[in-house]
């Protein structure tokens, strides 16, 4: 129950962040087509220093690494991709959850968490992926908004 409540709070925070004014910290998200936000469900706090890698599926069904990054102290990754790099297609984001939990002094079940999604199927969009982590489970959601002009 507590995890479900934390996830609802995370999701509602994401919706509020989408309408953030330009002068707010992290407001560069408005111009970045893919953003990531991670919450540690055990601490009820952002999950900082989680490594992630973004792949795009090629015509031959193989995965090409596009970019990588780490979450900051606020559990966020900004400016992962430019509009030019975020072309229509199928993407996979792999989160190194095992290393995160090891750094927290905890054993975990999953080696990694993965999110696979199709981008821009209905025109240009802005995507925010949210990940709620615990050592033996993870939950994801996405906020998909209109692309900026």
Protein backbone atom coordinates (compact mmCIF):
# COMPACT_ATOMS: atom_id res chain seq x y z
CA UNK A 1 0.00 0.00 0.00
CA UNK A 2 2.78 2.43 0.91
CA UNK A 3 4.49 1.75 -2.42
CA UNK A 4 1.29 2.42 -4.32
CA UNK A 5 0.84 5.72 -2.49
CA UNK A 6 4.47 6.68 -3.15
CA UNK A 7 4.02 5.88 -6.84
CA UNK A 8 0.84 7.96 -7.09
CA UNK A 9 2.69 10.85 -5.44
CA UNK A 10 5.60 10.42 -7.89
CA UNK A 11 3.25 10.36 -10.87
CA UNK A 12 1.37 13.45 -9.66
CA UNK A 13 4.70 15.23 -9.10
CA UNK A 14 5.62 14.46 -12.69
CA UNK A 15 2.41 16.00 -13.99
CA UNK A 16 3.07 19.14 -11.97
CA UNK A 17 6.65 19.31 -13.23
CA UNK A 18 5.48 19.26 -16.83
CA UNK A 19 3.87 22.65 -16.32
CA UNK A 20 6.87 24.11 -14.50
CA UNK A 21 7.71 27.72 -15.25
CA UNK A 22 10.82 28.40 -17.30
CA UNK A 23 12.81 29.93 -14.42
CA UNK A 24 12.46 26.87 -12.19
CA UNK A 25 15.43 24.48 -11.65
CA UNK A 26 15.15 21.57 -14.05
CA UNK A 27 13.03 23.62 -16.42
CA UNK A 28 15.38 22.67 -19.26
CA UNK A 29 13.20 19.53 -19.39
CA UNK A 30 10.74 21.49 -21.49
CA UNK A 31 13.31 21.44 -24.29
CA UNK A 32 14.60 17.89 -23.75
CA UNK A 33 12.45 15.24 -25.42
CA UNK A 34 13.32 12.45 -22.93
CA UNK A 35 13.72 12.84 -19.17
CA UNK A 36 14.01 10.33 -16.35
CA UNK A 37 12.97 10.56 -12.70
CA UNK A 38 13.64 7.80 -10.14
CA UNK A 39 12.32 7.36 -6.60
CA UNK A 40 13.71 4.93 -4.01
CA UNK A 41 10.57 3.43 -2.44
CA UNK A 42 12.42 2.30 0.71
CA UNK A 43 13.73 5.75 1.55
CA UNK A 44 10.81 7.65 0.07
CA UNK A 45 13.39 9.87 -1.57
CA UNK A 46 14.94 10.41 -5.00
CA UNK A 47 17.37 7.72 -6.16
CA UNK A 48 20.61 9.49 -7.01
CA UNK A 49 23.50 8.04 -8.99
CA UNK A 50 21.53 5.40 -10.89
CA UNK A 51 23.25 4.64 -14.18
CA UNK A 52 21.09 4.25 -17.28
CA UNK A 53 21.63 3.59 -20.97
CA UNK A 54 19.30 4.49 -23.84
CA UNK A 55 19.13 2.30 -26.97
CA UNK A 56 17.20 2.67 -30.25
CA UNK A 57 16.05 -0.36 -32.21
CA UNK A 58 17.39 -0.52 -35.76
CA UNK A 59 15.61 -1.77 -38.87
CA UNK A 60 17.39 -5.12 -38.36
CA UNK A 61 15.88 -5.38 -34.81
CA UNK A 62 19.27 -4.88 -33.10
CA UNK A 63 19.75 -2.27 -30.38
CA UNK A 64 22.07 0.70 -30.93
CA UNK A 65 23.34 2.59 -27.89
CA UNK A 66 22.28 6.23 -28.21
CA UNK A 67 23.35 7.77 -24.88
CA UNK A 68 23.88 7.09 -21.19
CA UNK A 69 23.81 9.04 -17.95
CA UNK A 70 23.35 8.96 -14.20
CA UNK A 71 20.60 10.41 -12.07
CA UNK A 72 21.54 13.47 -10.05
CA UNK A 73 20.87 13.96 -6.33
CA UNK A 74 17.23 14.76 -7.20
CA UNK A 75 16.88 11.37 -8.92
CA UNK A 76 16.65 13.01 -12.35
CA UNK A 77 18.54 12.97 -15.63
CA UNK A 78 18.29 16.07 -17.79
CA UNK A 79 19.34 16.65 -21.38
CA UNK A 80 19.74 12.97 -22.30
CA UNK A 81 18.94 13.56 -25.96
CA UNK A 82 18.44 16.42 -28.34
CA UNK A 83 15.39 16.64 -30.59
CA UNK A 84 17.61 15.71 -33.54
CA UNK A 85 18.82 12.51 -31.82
CA UNK A 86 15.36 11.45 -30.63
CA UNK A 87 13.94 10.16 -33.90
CA UNK A 88 10.71 8.17 -34.27
CA UNK A 89 11.25 4.53 -33.34
CA UNK A 90 11.40 1.96 -30.56
CA UNK A 91 13.59 2.79 -27.56
CA UNK A 92 14.88 0.79 -24.60
CA UNK A 93 16.10 2.42 -21.40
CA UNK A 94 18.12 0.12 -19.12
CA UNK A 95 18.57 1.15 -15.47
CA UNK A 96 21.48 -0.41 -13.52
CA UNK A 97 19.46 -1.16 -10.39
CA UNK A 98 21.80 -3.85 -9.04
CA UNK A 99 24.70 -1.40 -8.69
CA UNK A 100 22.39 1.18 -7.11
CA UNK A 101 21.18 -1.25 -4.43
CA UNK A 102 24.70 -2.54 -3.81
CA UNK A 103 25.76 1.07 -3.18
CA UNK A 104 22.88 1.36 -0.71
CA UNK A 105 24.16 -1.74 1.13
CA UNK A 106 21.23 -3.92 0.03
CA UNK A 107 20.87 -7.10 -1.97
CA UNK A 108 18.49 -6.94 -4.90
CA UNK A 109 16.66 -9.38 -7.13
CA UNK A 110 16.90 -7.61 -10.50
CA UNK A 111 20.14 -7.01 -12.39
CA UNK A 112 18.46 -4.15 -14.23
CA UNK A 113 15.11 -2.52 -14.90
CA UNK A 114 14.11 -1.99 -18.53
CA UNK A 115 11.53 0.19 -20.22
CA UNK A 116 10.82 -0.37 -23.92
CA UNK A 117 8.55 2.08 -25.72
CA UNK A 118 7.71 3.53 -29.12
CA UNK A 119 8.42 7.23 -29.51
CA UNK A 120 6.73 9.73 -31.80
CA UNK A 121 4.17 7.30 -33.25
CA UNK A 122 1.63 10.16 -33.29
CA UNK A 123 3.93 13.09 -33.96
CA UNK A 124 6.57 14.81 -31.85
CA UNK A 125 6.14 14.28 -28.11
CA UNK A 126 7.97 14.96 -24.85
CA UNK A 127 8.51 11.87 -22.66
CA UNK A 128 9.22 11.65 -18.94
CA UNK A 129 9.89 8.15 -17.63
CA UNK A 130 9.34 7.59 -13.92
CA UNK A 131 10.77 4.60 -12.08
CA UNK A 132 9.85 3.55 -8.54
CA UNK A 133 12.52 1.22 -7.13
CA UNK A 134 12.69 -1.30 -4.34
CA UNK A 135 15.22 -4.14 -4.02
CA UNK A 136 12.76 -6.79 -5.24
CA UNK A 137 10.45 -4.85 -7.53
CA UNK A 138 10.17 -1.84 -9.78
CA UNK A 139 7.30 0.04 -11.35
CA UNK A 140 7.38 2.48 -14.23
CA UNK A 141 5.06 5.03 -15.68
CA UNK A 142 5.40 7.65 -18.38
CA UNK A 143 4.10 11.14 -18.84
CA UNK A 144 3.76 11.87 -22.54
CA UNK A 145 3.16 15.48 -23.48
CA UNK A 146 2.95 17.58 -26.57
CA UNK A 147 6.27 18.46 -28.11
CA UNK A 148 7.48 22.04 -27.76
CA UNK A 149 7.37 24.50 -30.62
